[in-house]
PDB file of N, CA and C in Angstrom:
ATOM      1  N   MET A   1      22.309 -45.695 -10.871  1.00  0.00           N
ATOM      2  CA  MET A   1      23.352 -44.924 -10.026  1.00  0.00           C
ATOM      3  C   MET A   1      23.897 -45.825  -9.050  1.00  0.00           C
ATOM      4  N   THR A   2      25.304 -46.074  -9.239  1.00  0.00           N
ATOM      5  CA  THR A   2      25.883 -46.985  -8.331  1.00  0.00           C
ATOM      6  C   THR A   2      26.155 -46.406  -6.797  1.00  0.00           C
ATOM      7  N   MET A   3      26.708 -47.201  -5.798  1.00  0.00           N
ATOM      8  CA  MET A   3      26.738 -46.445  -4.598  1.00  0.00           C
ATOM      9  C   MET A   3      27.987 -45.563  -4.658  1.00  0.00           C
ATOM     10  N   ASP A   4      28.891 -45.697  -5.373  1.00  0.00           N
ATOM     11  CA  ASP A   4      29.993 -44.739  -5.503  1.00  0.00           C
ATOM     12  C   ASP A   4      29.601 -43.238  -5.990  1.00  0.00           C
ATOM     13  N   TYR A   5      28.710 -43.485  -6.664  1.00  0.00           N
ATOM     14  CA  TYR A   5      28.290 -42.097  -7.015  1.00  0.00           C
ATOM     15  C   TYR A   5      27.303 -41.366  -5.966  1.00  0.00           C
ATOM     16  N   ALA A   6      26.784 -42.148  -5.366  1.00  0.00           N
ATOM     17  CA  ALA A   6      25.717 -41.728  -4.062  1.00  0.00           C
ATOM     18  C   ALA A   6      26.660 -41.141  -3.031  1.00  0.00           C
ATOM     19  N   GLY A   7      27.755 -41.692  -2.817  1.00  0.00           N
ATOM     20  CA  GLY A   7      28.663 -41.411  -1.660  1.00  0.00           C
ATOM     21  C   GLY A   7      29.261 -39.936  -2.114  1.00  0.00           C
ATOM     22  N   MET A   8      29.694 -39.986  -3.331  1.00  0.00           N
ATOM     23  CA  MET A   8      30.312 -38.803  -3.876  1.00  0.00           C
ATOM     24  C   MET A   8      29.459 -37.682  -3.953  1.00  0.00           C
ATOM     25  N   LEU A   9      27.915 -37.808  -4.537  1.00  0.00           N
ATOM     26  CA  LEU A   9      27.210 -36.860  -4.339  1.00  0.00           C
ATOM     27  C   LEU A   9      26.905 -36.625  -2.824  1.00  0.00           C
ATOM     28  N   PHE A  10      26.479 -37.340  -2.124  1.00  0.00           N
ATOM     29  CA  PHE A  10      26.563 -36.897  -0.737  1.00  0.00           C
ATOM     30  C   PHE A  10      27.307 -35.883  -0.004  1.00  0.00           C
ATOM     31  N   ALA A  11      28.702 -36.289  -0.675  1.00  0.00           N
ATOM     32  CA  ALA A  11      30.012 -35.224   0.173  1.00  0.00           C
ATOM     33  C   ALA A  11      30.019 -34.157  -0.520  1.00  0.00           C
ATOM     34  N   PHE A  12      29.778 -34.111  -1.879  1.00  0.00           N
ATOM     35  CA  PHE A  12      29.360 -32.799  -2.392  1.00  0.00           C
ATOM     36  C   PHE A  12      28.468 -31.851  -1.619  1.00  0.00           C
ATOM     37  N   GLY A  13      27.166 -32.457  -1.702  1.00  0.00           N
ATOM     38  CA  GLY A  13      26.322 -31.639  -0.900  1.00  0.00           C
ATOM     39  C   GLY A  13      26.414 -31.383   0.460  1.00  0.00           C
ATOM     40  N   MET A  14      27.105 -32.009   1.016  1.00  0.00           N
ATOM     41  CA  MET A  14      27.429 -31.665   2.552  1.00  0.00           C
ATOM     42  C   MET A  14      28.626 -30.696   2.431  1.00  0.00           C
ATOM     43  N   ILE A  15      29.567 -30.420   1.617  1.00  0.00           N
ATOM     44  CA  ILE A  15      30.388 -29.515   1.319  1.00  0.00           C
ATOM     45  C   ILE A  15      29.790 -28.175   0.946  1.00  0.00           C
ATOM     46  N   LEU A  16      28.568 -28.368   0.072  1.00  0.00           N
ATOM     47  CA  LEU A  16      28.182 -27.243  -0.281  1.00  0.00           C
ATOM     48  C   LEU A  16      27.347 -26.703   0.980  1.00  0.00           C
ATOM     49  N   LEU A  17      26.675 -27.476   1.434  1.00  0.00           N
ATOM     50  CA  LEU A  17      25.862 -27.080   2.595  1.00  0.00           C
ATOM     51  C   LEU A  17      26.530 -26.479   3.646  1.00  0.00           C
ATOM     52  N   PHE A  18      27.571 -26.825   3.942  1.00  0.00           N
ATOM     53  CA  PHE A  18      28.659 -26.043   4.789  1.00  0.00           C
ATOM     54  C   PHE A  18      29.043 -24.957   4.419  1.00  0.00           C
ATOM     55  N   THR A  19      29.583 -24.712   3.403  1.00  0.00           N
ATOM     56  CA  THR A  19      29.906 -23.421   2.613  1.00  0.00           C
ATOM     57  C   THR A  19      28.630 -22.301   2.698  1.00  0.00           C
ATOM     58  N   VAL A  20      27.656 -22.864   2.301  1.00  0.00           N
ATOM     59  CA  VAL A  20      26.454 -21.869   2.483  1.00  0.00           C
ATOM     60  C   VAL A  20      26.176 -21.445   4.008  1.00  0.00           C
ATOM     61  N   VAL A  21      26.196 -22.448   4.657  1.00  0.00           N
ATOM     62  CA  VAL A  21      26.187 -22.124   6.102  1.00  0.00           C
ATOM     63  C   VAL A  21      27.239 -20.920   6.668  1.00  0.00           C
ATOM     64  N   GLY A  22      28.356 -21.259   6.266  1.00  0.00           N
ATOM     65  CA  GLY A  22      29.653 -20.682   6.711  1.00  0.00           C
ATOM     66  C   GLY A  22      29.341 -19.318   6.187  1.00  0.00           C
ATOM     67  N   VAL A  23      29.230 -19.153   4.834  1.00  0.00           N
ATOM     68  CA  VAL A  23      28.957 -17.786   4.022  1.00  0.00           C
ATOM     69  C   VAL A  23      27.795 -16.877   4.937  1.00  0.00           C
ATOM     70  N   VAL A  24      26.810 -17.575   4.813  1.00  0.00           N
ATOM     71  CA  VAL A  24      25.761 -16.940   5.863  1.00  0.00           C
ATOM     72  C   VAL A  24      26.175 -16.413   7.381  1.00  0.00           C
ATOM     73  N   ILE A  25      26.852 -17.054   7.980  1.00  0.00           N
ATOM     74  CA  ILE A  25      27.489 -16.868   9.126  1.00  0.00           C
ATOM     75  C   ILE A  25      28.250 -15.544   9.355  1.00  0.00           C
ATOM     76  N   VAL A  26      29.136 -15.800   8.392  1.00  0.00           N
ATOM     77  CA  VAL A  26      30.246 -14.593   8.217  1.00  0.00           C
ATOM     78  C   VAL A  26      29.472 -13.432   7.874  1.00  0.00           C
ATOM     79  N   THR A  27      28.788 -13.213   6.906  1.00  0.00           N
ATOM     80  CA  THR A  27      27.974 -12.138   6.266  1.00  0.00           C
ATOM     81  C   THR A  27      26.952 -11.454   7.689  1.00  0.00           C
ATOM     82  N   GLN A  28      26.477 -12.261   7.939  1.00  0.00           N
ATOM     83  CA  GLN A  28      25.482 -11.916   9.371  1.00  0.00           C
ATOM     84  C   GLN A  28      26.701 -11.025  10.395  1.00  0.00           C
ATOM     85  N   PHE A  29      27.840 -11.695  10.538  1.00  0.00           N
ATOM     86  CA  PHE A  29      28.795 -11.381  11.620  1.00  0.00           C
ATOM     87  C   PHE A  29      28.961  -9.888  11.081  1.00  0.00           C
ATOM     88  N   PHE A  30      29.626  -9.594  10.171  1.00  0.00           N
ATOM     89  CA  PHE A  30      29.996  -8.386   9.583  1.00  0.00           C
ATOM     90  C   PHE A  30      28.764  -7.479   9.420  1.00  0.00           C
ATOM     91  N   LYS A  31      27.788  -7.587   9.197  1.00  0.00           N
ATOM     92  CA  LYS A  31      26.167  -6.937   8.906  1.00  0.00           C
ATOM     93  C   LYS A  31      26.092  -6.396  10.249  1.00  0.00           C
ATOM     94  N   ASN A  32      26.179  -7.442  11.552  1.00  0.00           N
ATOM     95  CA  ASN A  32      25.717  -7.021  12.842  1.00  0.00           C
ATOM     96  C   ASN A  32      26.882  -6.118  13.295  1.00  0.00           C
ATOM     97  N   SER A  33      28.270  -6.321  12.986  1.00  0.00           N
ATOM     98  CA  SER A  33      29.401  -5.209  13.751  1.00  0.00           C
ATOM     99  C   SER A  33      29.035  -3.947  12.949  1.00  0.00           C
ATOM    100  N   ARG A  34      28.778  -3.718  11.718  1.00  0.00           N
ATOM    101  CA  ARG A  34      28.629  -2.627  11.037  1.00  0.00           C
ATOM    102  C   ARG A  34      27.646  -1.813  11.735  1.00  0.00           C
ATOM    103  N   ALA A  35      26.563  -2.544  12.034  1.00  0.00           N
ATOM    104  CA  ALA A  35      25.331  -1.958  12.677  1.00  0.00           C
ATOM    105  C   ALA A  35      25.608  -1.748  13.872  1.00  0.00           C
ATOM    106  N   LYS A  36      26.201  -2.045  14.844  1.00  0.00           N
ATOM    107  CA  LYS A  36      26.666  -1.665  16.111  1.00  0.00           C
ATOM    108  C   LYS A  36      27.553  -0.385  16.120  1.00  0.00           C
ATOM    109  N   SER A  37      28.466  -0.612  15.096  1.00  0.00           N
ATOM    110  CA  SER A  37      29.209   0.860  14.933  1.00  0.00           C
ATOM    111  C   SER A  37      28.623   2.024  14.498  1.00  0.00           C
ATOM    112  N   MET A  38      27.316   1.712  13.389  1.00  0.00           N
ATOM    113  CA  MET A  38      26.682   2.730  13.189  1.00  0.00           C
ATOM    114  C   MET A  38      25.716   3.256  14.290  1.00  0.00           C
ATOM    115  N   ASN A  39      25.277   2.364  15.250  1.00  0.00           N
ATOM    116  CA  ASN A  39      24.576   2.830  16.112  1.00  0.00           C
ATOM    117  C   ASN A  39      25.578   4.076  17.303  1.00  0.00           C
ATOM    118  N   SER A  40      26.576   3.420  17.589  1.00  0.00           N
ATOM    119  CA  SER A  40      27.214   4.234  18.321  1.00  0.00           C
ATOM    120  C   SER A  40      27.690   5.487  17.686  1.00  0.00           C
ATOM    121  N   ARG A  41      27.922   5.641  16.516  1.00  0.00           N
ATOM    122  CA  ARG A  41      27.778   7.030  15.827  1.00  0.00           C
ATOM    123  C   ARG A  41      26.532   7.841  16.195  1.00  0.00           C
ATOM    124  N   GLU A  42      25.490   6.955  15.449  1.00  0.00           N
ATOM    125  CA  GLU A  42      24.151   7.687  16.070  1.00  0.00           C
ATOM    126  C   GLU A  42      24.208   8.386  17.406  1.00  0.00           C
ATOM    127  N   ILE A  43      24.514   7.518  18.445  1.00  0.00           N
ATOM    128  CA  ILE A  43      24.420   7.811  19.726  1.00  0.00           C
ATOM    129  C   ILE A  43      25.439   9.209  19.990  1.00  0.00           C
ATOM    130  N   ALA A  44      26.605   9.481  19.461  1.00  0.00           N
ATOM    131  CA  ALA A  44      27.521  10.119  19.456  1.00  0.00           C
ATOM    132  C   ALA A  44      26.871  11.554  18.614  1.00  0.00           C
ATOM    133  N   ARG A  45      26.275  11.474  17.635  1.00  0.00           N
ATOM    134  CA  ARG A  45      25.315  12.428  16.875  1.00  0.00           C
ATOM    135  C   ARG A  45      24.381  12.951  17.643  1.00  0.00           C
ATOM    136  N   ASP A  46      23.486  12.135  18.524  1.00  0.00           N
ATOM    137  CA  ASP A  46      22.521  12.443  19.051  1.00  0.00           C
ATOM    138  C   ASP A  46      22.742  13.361  20.180  1.00  0.00           C
ATOM    139  N   GLU A  47      24.058  12.900  21.013  1.00  0.00           N
ATOM    140  CA  GLU A  47      24.590  13.365  21.835  1.00  0.00           C
ATOM    141  C   GLU A  47      25.099  14.925  21.631  1.00  0.00           C
ATOM    142  N   GLU A  48      25.409  15.156  20.594  1.00  0.00           N
ATOM    143  CA  GLU A  48      25.671  16.517  19.991  1.00  0.00           C
ATOM    144  C   GLU A  48      24.526  17.383  19.794  1.00  0.00           C
ATOM    145  N   TYR A  49      23.845  16.775  19.175  1.00  0.00           N
ATOM    146  CA  TYR A  49      22.421  17.282  19.153  1.00  0.00           C
ATOM    147  C   TYR A  49      21.673  17.942  20.318  1.00  0.00           C
ATOM    148  N   ARG A  50      21.787  16.951  20.964  1.00  0.00           N
ATOM    149  CA  ARG A  50      21.594  17.489  22.482  1.00  0.00           C
ATOM    150  C   ARG A  50      21.993  18.643  23.375  1.00  0.00           C
ATOM    151  N   LYS A  51      23.298  18.378  23.005  1.00  0.00           N
ATOM    152  CA  LYS A  51      24.114  19.658  23.642  1.00  0.00           C
ATOM    153  C   LYS A  51      23.662  20.759  22.896  1.00  0.00           C
ATOM    154  N   LEU A  52      23.749  20.788  21.689  1.00  0.00           N
ATOM    155  CA  LEU A  52      23.472  22.020  20.517  1.00  0.00           C
ATOM    156  C   LEU A  52      21.992  22.468  21.062  1.00  0.00           C
ATOM    157  N   ALA A  53      20.863  21.878  21.378  1.00  0.00           N
ATOM    158  CA  ALA A  53      19.408  22.153  21.859  1.00  0.00           C
ATOM    159  C   ALA A  53      19.662  22.756  23.245  1.00  0.00           C
ATOM    160  N   GLU A  54      20.571  22.091  24.004  1.00  0.00           N
ATOM    161  CA  GLU A  54      20.640  22.866  25.309  1.00  0.00           C
ATOM    162  C   GLU A  54      21.165  24.334  25.317  1.00  0.00           C
ATOM    163  N   GLU A  55      22.083  24.381  24.483  1.00  0.00           N
ATOM    164  CA  GLU A  55      22.766  25.829  24.270  1.00  0.00           C
ATOM    165  C   GLU A  55      21.856  26.282  23.809  1.00  0.00           C
ATOM    166  N   SER A  56      21.268  26.355  22.540  1.00  0.00           N
ATOM    167  CA  SER A  56      20.078  27.200  22.026  1.00  0.00           C
ATOM    168  C   SER A  56      19.076  27.491  22.849  1.00  0.00           C
ATOM    169  N   ILE A  57      18.534  26.798  23.955  1.00  0.00           N
ATOM    170  CA  ILE A  57      17.839  27.173  24.810  1.00  0.00           C
ATOM    171  C   ILE A  57      18.149  28.239  25.785  1.00  0.00           C
ATOM    172  N   LEU A  58      19.566  28.276  26.430  1.00  0.00           N
ATOM    173  CA  LEU A  58      20.211  28.995  27.209  1.00  0.00           C
ATOM    174  C   LEU A  58      20.083  30.309  26.255  1.00  0.00           C
ATOM    175  N   VAL A  59      20.447  30.379  25.241  1.00  0.00           N
ATOM    176  CA  VAL A  59      20.551  31.745  24.203  1.00  0.00           C
ATOM    177  C   VAL A  59      19.321  32.267  24.091  1.00  0.00           C
ATOM    178  N   GLN A  60      18.500  31.573  23.925  1.00  0.00           N
ATOM    179  CA  GLN A  60      16.634  32.131  23.639  1.00  0.00           C
ATOM    180  C   GLN A  60      16.469  32.368  25.467  1.00  0.00           C
ATOM    181  N   LYS A  61      16.782  32.176  26.181  1.00  0.00           N
ATOM    182  CA  LYS A  61      16.305  32.555  27.446  1.00  0.00           C
ATOM    183  C   LYS A  61      16.891  33.789  27.642  1.00  0.00           C
ATOM    184  N   LYS A  62      18.307  33.932  27.369  1.00  0.00           N
ATOM    185  CA  LYS A  62      19.214  35.317  27.805  1.00  0.00           C
ATOM    186  C   LYS A  62      18.487  36.357  26.804  1.00  0.00           C
ATOM    187  N   MET A  63      18.020  36.185  25.350  1.00  0.00           N
ATOM    188  CA  MET A  63      17.531  37.036  24.357  1.00  0.00           C
ATOM    189  C   MET A  63      16.234  37.570  24.898  1.00  0.00           C
ATOM    190  N   SER A  64      15.686  36.686  25.525  1.00  0.00           N
ATOM    191  CA  SER A  64      14.338  37.098  26.153  1.00  0.00           C
ATOM    192  C   SER A  64      14.348  38.079  27.345  1.00  0.00           C
ATOM    193  N   GLU A  65      15.342  37.662  28.065  1.00  0.00           N
ATOM    194  CA  GLU A  65      15.409  38.654  29.465  1.00  0.00           C
ATOM    195  C   GLU A  65      16.200  40.034  28.960  1.00  0.00           C
ATOM    196  N   ASP A  66      16.793  39.693  27.730  1.00  0.00           N
ATOM    197  CA  ASP A  66      17.424  41.158  27.107  1.00  0.00           C
ATOM    198  C   ASP A  66      16.233  42.045  26.400  1.00  0.00           C
ATOM    199  N   LEU A  67      15.189  41.160  25.857  1.00  0.00           N
ATOM    200  CA  LEU A  67      14.039  41.903  25.122  1.00  0.00           C
ATOM    201  C   LEU A  67      13.267  42.665  26.423  1.00  0.00           C
ATOM    202  N   THR A  68      13.143  41.800  27.263  1.00  0.00           N
ATOM    203  CA  THR A  68      12.322  42.185  28.363  1.00  0.00           C
ATOM    204  C   THR A  68      13.079  43.633  28.946  1.00  0.00           C
ATOM    205  N   ASP A  69      14.169  43.494  29.229  1.00  0.00           N
ATOM    206  CA  ASP A  69      14.940  44.884  29.727  1.00  0.00           C
ATOM    207  C   ASP A  69      14.863  46.009  28.840  1.00  0.00           C
ATOM    208  N   LEU A  70      14.917  45.533  27.571  1.00  0.00           N
ATOM    209  CA  LEU A  70      14.776  46.496  26.551  1.00  0.00           C
ATOM    210  C   LEU A  70      13.332  47.258  26.361  1.00  0.00           C
ATOM    211  N   ARG A  71      12.277  46.285  26.568  1.00  0.00           N
ATOM    212  CA  ARG A  71      11.052  46.892  26.597  1.00  0.00           C
ATOM    213  C   ARG A  71      10.671  47.954  27.635  1.00  0.00           C
ATOM    214  N   GLU A  72      11.430  47.380  29.010  1.00  0.00           N
ATOM    215  CA  GLU A  72      11.198  48.295  30.016  1.00  0.00           C
ATOM    216  C   GLU A  72      11.729  49.606  29.780  1.00  0.00           C
ATOM    217  N   ARG A  73      13.120  49.830  29.416  1.00  0.00           N
ATOM    218  CA  ARG A  73      13.935  51.109  29.193  1.00  0.00           C
ATOM    219  C   ARG A  73      13.060  51.957  28.304  1.00  0.00           C
ATOM    220  N   VAL A  74      12.363  51.006  26.854  1.00  0.00           N
ATOM    221  CA  VAL A  74      11.736  52.121  26.157  1.00  0.00           C
ATOM    222  C   VAL A  74      10.302  52.598  26.762  1.00  0.00           C
ATOM    223  N   ALA A  75       9.824  52.009  27.605  1.00  0.00           N
ATOM    224  CA  ALA A  75       8.867  52.283  28.290  1.00  0.00           C
ATOM    225  C   ALA A  75       9.034  53.426  29.231  1.00  0.00           C
ATOM    226  N   SER A  76      10.270  53.381  30.124  1.00  0.00           N
ATOM    227  CA  SER A  76      10.665  54.374  30.832  1.00  0.00           C
ATOM    228  C   SER A  76      10.697  55.717  30.007  1.00  0.00           C
ATOM    229  N   MET A  77      11.379  55.191  28.892  1.00  0.00           N
ATOM    230  CA  MET A  77      11.900  56.563  28.056  1.00  0.00           C
ATOM    231  C   MET A  77      10.599  57.197  27.348  1.00  0.00           C
ATOM    232  N   GLU A  78       9.465  56.526  27.021  1.00  0.00           N
ATOM    233  CA  GLU A  78       8.262  56.916  26.698  1.00  0.00           C
ATOM    234  C   GLU A  78       7.716  57.809  27.666  1.00  0.00           C
ATOM    235  N   LYS A  79       7.725  57.479  28.927  1.00  0.00           N
ATOM    236  CA  LYS A  79       6.846  57.970  29.746  1.00  0.00           C
ATOM    237  C   LYS A  79       7.668  59.338  30.237  1.00  0.00           C
ATOM    238  N   MET A  80       8.965  59.270  30.204  1.00  0.00           N
ATOM    239  CA  MET A  80       9.473  60.282  30.370  1.00  0.00           C
ATOM    240  C   MET A  80       9.512  61.489  29.331  1.00  0.00           C
ATOM    241  N   ILE A  81       9.629  61.238  28.106  1.00  0.00           N
ATOM    242  CA  ILE A  81       9.048  62.346  26.774  1.00  0.00           C
ATOM    243  C   ILE A  81       7.729  62.518  27.160  1.00  0.00           C
ATOM    244  N   ARG A  82       6.821  61.732  27.371  1.00  0.00           N
ATOM    245  CA  ARG A  82       5.549  62.380  27.858  1.00  0.00           C
ATOM    246  C   ARG A  82       5.394  63.243  28.948  1.00  0.00           C
ATOM    247  N   GLU A  83       5.904  63.045  29.953  1.00  0.00           N
ATOM    248  CA  GLU A  83       6.243  63.913  31.119  1.00  0.00           C
ATOM    249  C   GLU A  83       6.889  65.259  30.613  1.00  0.00           C
ATOM    250  N   VAL A  84       7.696  65.408  29.611  1.00  0.00           N
ATOM    251  CA  VAL A  84       8.520  66.575  29.324  1.00  0.00           C
ATOM    252  C   VAL A  84       7.542  67.418  28.434  1.00  0.00           C
ATOM    253  N   GLU A  85       6.831  66.542  27.588  1.00  0.00           N
ATOM    254  CA  GLU A  85       5.775  67.731  26.908  1.00  0.00           C
ATOM    255  C   GLU A  85       4.906  68.175  27.700  1.00  0.00           C
TER     256      GLU A  85
END
């Protein structure tokens, strides 16, 4: 192999190396930006789930209070029926 071919082989090798490194950098950049956008969507979804959980806790508390009130009313009605008999 003469020196002419060695120089050309070196030049093609460097071009190939820079191309591969450039493709890897670009693909990693796009994967990273897509992951960041997915994280922001997940954060928004988690916020919605948190709000939904808080609302369900409030509804459960209200239902518990209503149930306690109903139990008291039924107990007073049972007491009144026993007194009438």
